[in-house]
Amino acid sequence: MPRDRTVLAELALIAVAAVWGLTFVMVQDAIAVMPVMSFLAFRFCAAALVVGLVFRRELRSLGSDGLRAGVVMGGWLTAGYIFQTMGLERTSASNAGFITGMFVVLTPLFGALFLGQKAGAPAWAAAAVSTVGLLLLSGGAGGINSGDVLVFLCACSFAGHILATGKAVREHPAGALLAVQLGVCGSVTFLAALVGGDLELPRSGQVLTALAVTAFIASALGFFVQTYAQRHAPPARTALILASEPAFAGLFAYLLADERLDLTGWVGAGLILAAIVAVELLPHARRARLPEGSLPEEDLASSG
């Protein structure tokens, strides 16, 4: 039944957003006892192995152009996770969750600045609002710590990843591209850990649990669920549910790590979340108001 599939898809998306929010606390706890690069190496090598096995036929048919596209996407993804995980060593899980979510706001701006795409006034307004939110969440311009800066660089990297993905997924199979990206993440972090002398096996149950959740549920299974959900759930509801990830990160940081934001921090987090939701939903609202068969101006600019 179509309605049953829609409900199932939306419930699955909520679960994925919750797991992604949960991973901020889990990763922060894991890297307190295991080097960052070593943790990332095991996480992404395991995820790449699973996805590679599932999409082995697509991988065999992926040509050199697809491989190059996957490597570029993997470079952005690797940078994002390195910045994010290093940032979690220096800032709170709740801060990291909300600041990472800014990639949604940054993506259309980077597309306008570097690719000649049209962002529109709402996107620039959302960027201004989220910037104010970032300053408030971090304690003001004079109080921004290095962890918040690293996580902001993570958001920039994820925005670059989305832009690189936009063209590639129209020309190459998504499953094979994902396997290549995860393989790049695993290879780069493994080499970094090896060269830096930080490569070590996971020993504690805490780290093993974090690796299992981040590799198999957040990375591998999360992709499958998101792909299924986006085929059956309305786009606007999909965007809104996925935009809840920072809120879940803040919730789990409060429940599991006893993190508490002050009033200024809550205002900043609220502004960032509002900007994310606005950027996610406004394009869908515009599409709903357009005559059937037409496209918003920014879609016409980026299509083809």
Foldseek 3Di string as FASTA:
>chain_A
DLVVLQVVLLVLLLVLLLLLLLLLVLLLVQCVPAPPLQLQLLLLVLLLVVLCVVCVVQLVVQDPVLLVLLLQLLVLLLLLSSLLSVLSPPDALLLLLLLLLCLLLVQLVCCCVPVVFDNDPLSVVLVVLLVLLNQLLQPHPVRRDPSSVSSNVSSVSVSVSVVSVPVSVVPGPPSNSLSSSSVSNNVVSVVVCVVVVRHDDDDDPSSVVSSCSSRPPNRNVSVVSLVSSVVRHDQLSSQLSSLCSSVSNVVSCCVPVVDDGDPSSVSSSVSSSVSSNCSRRVLVVVVVPDPPPDHPPSCVVPDD
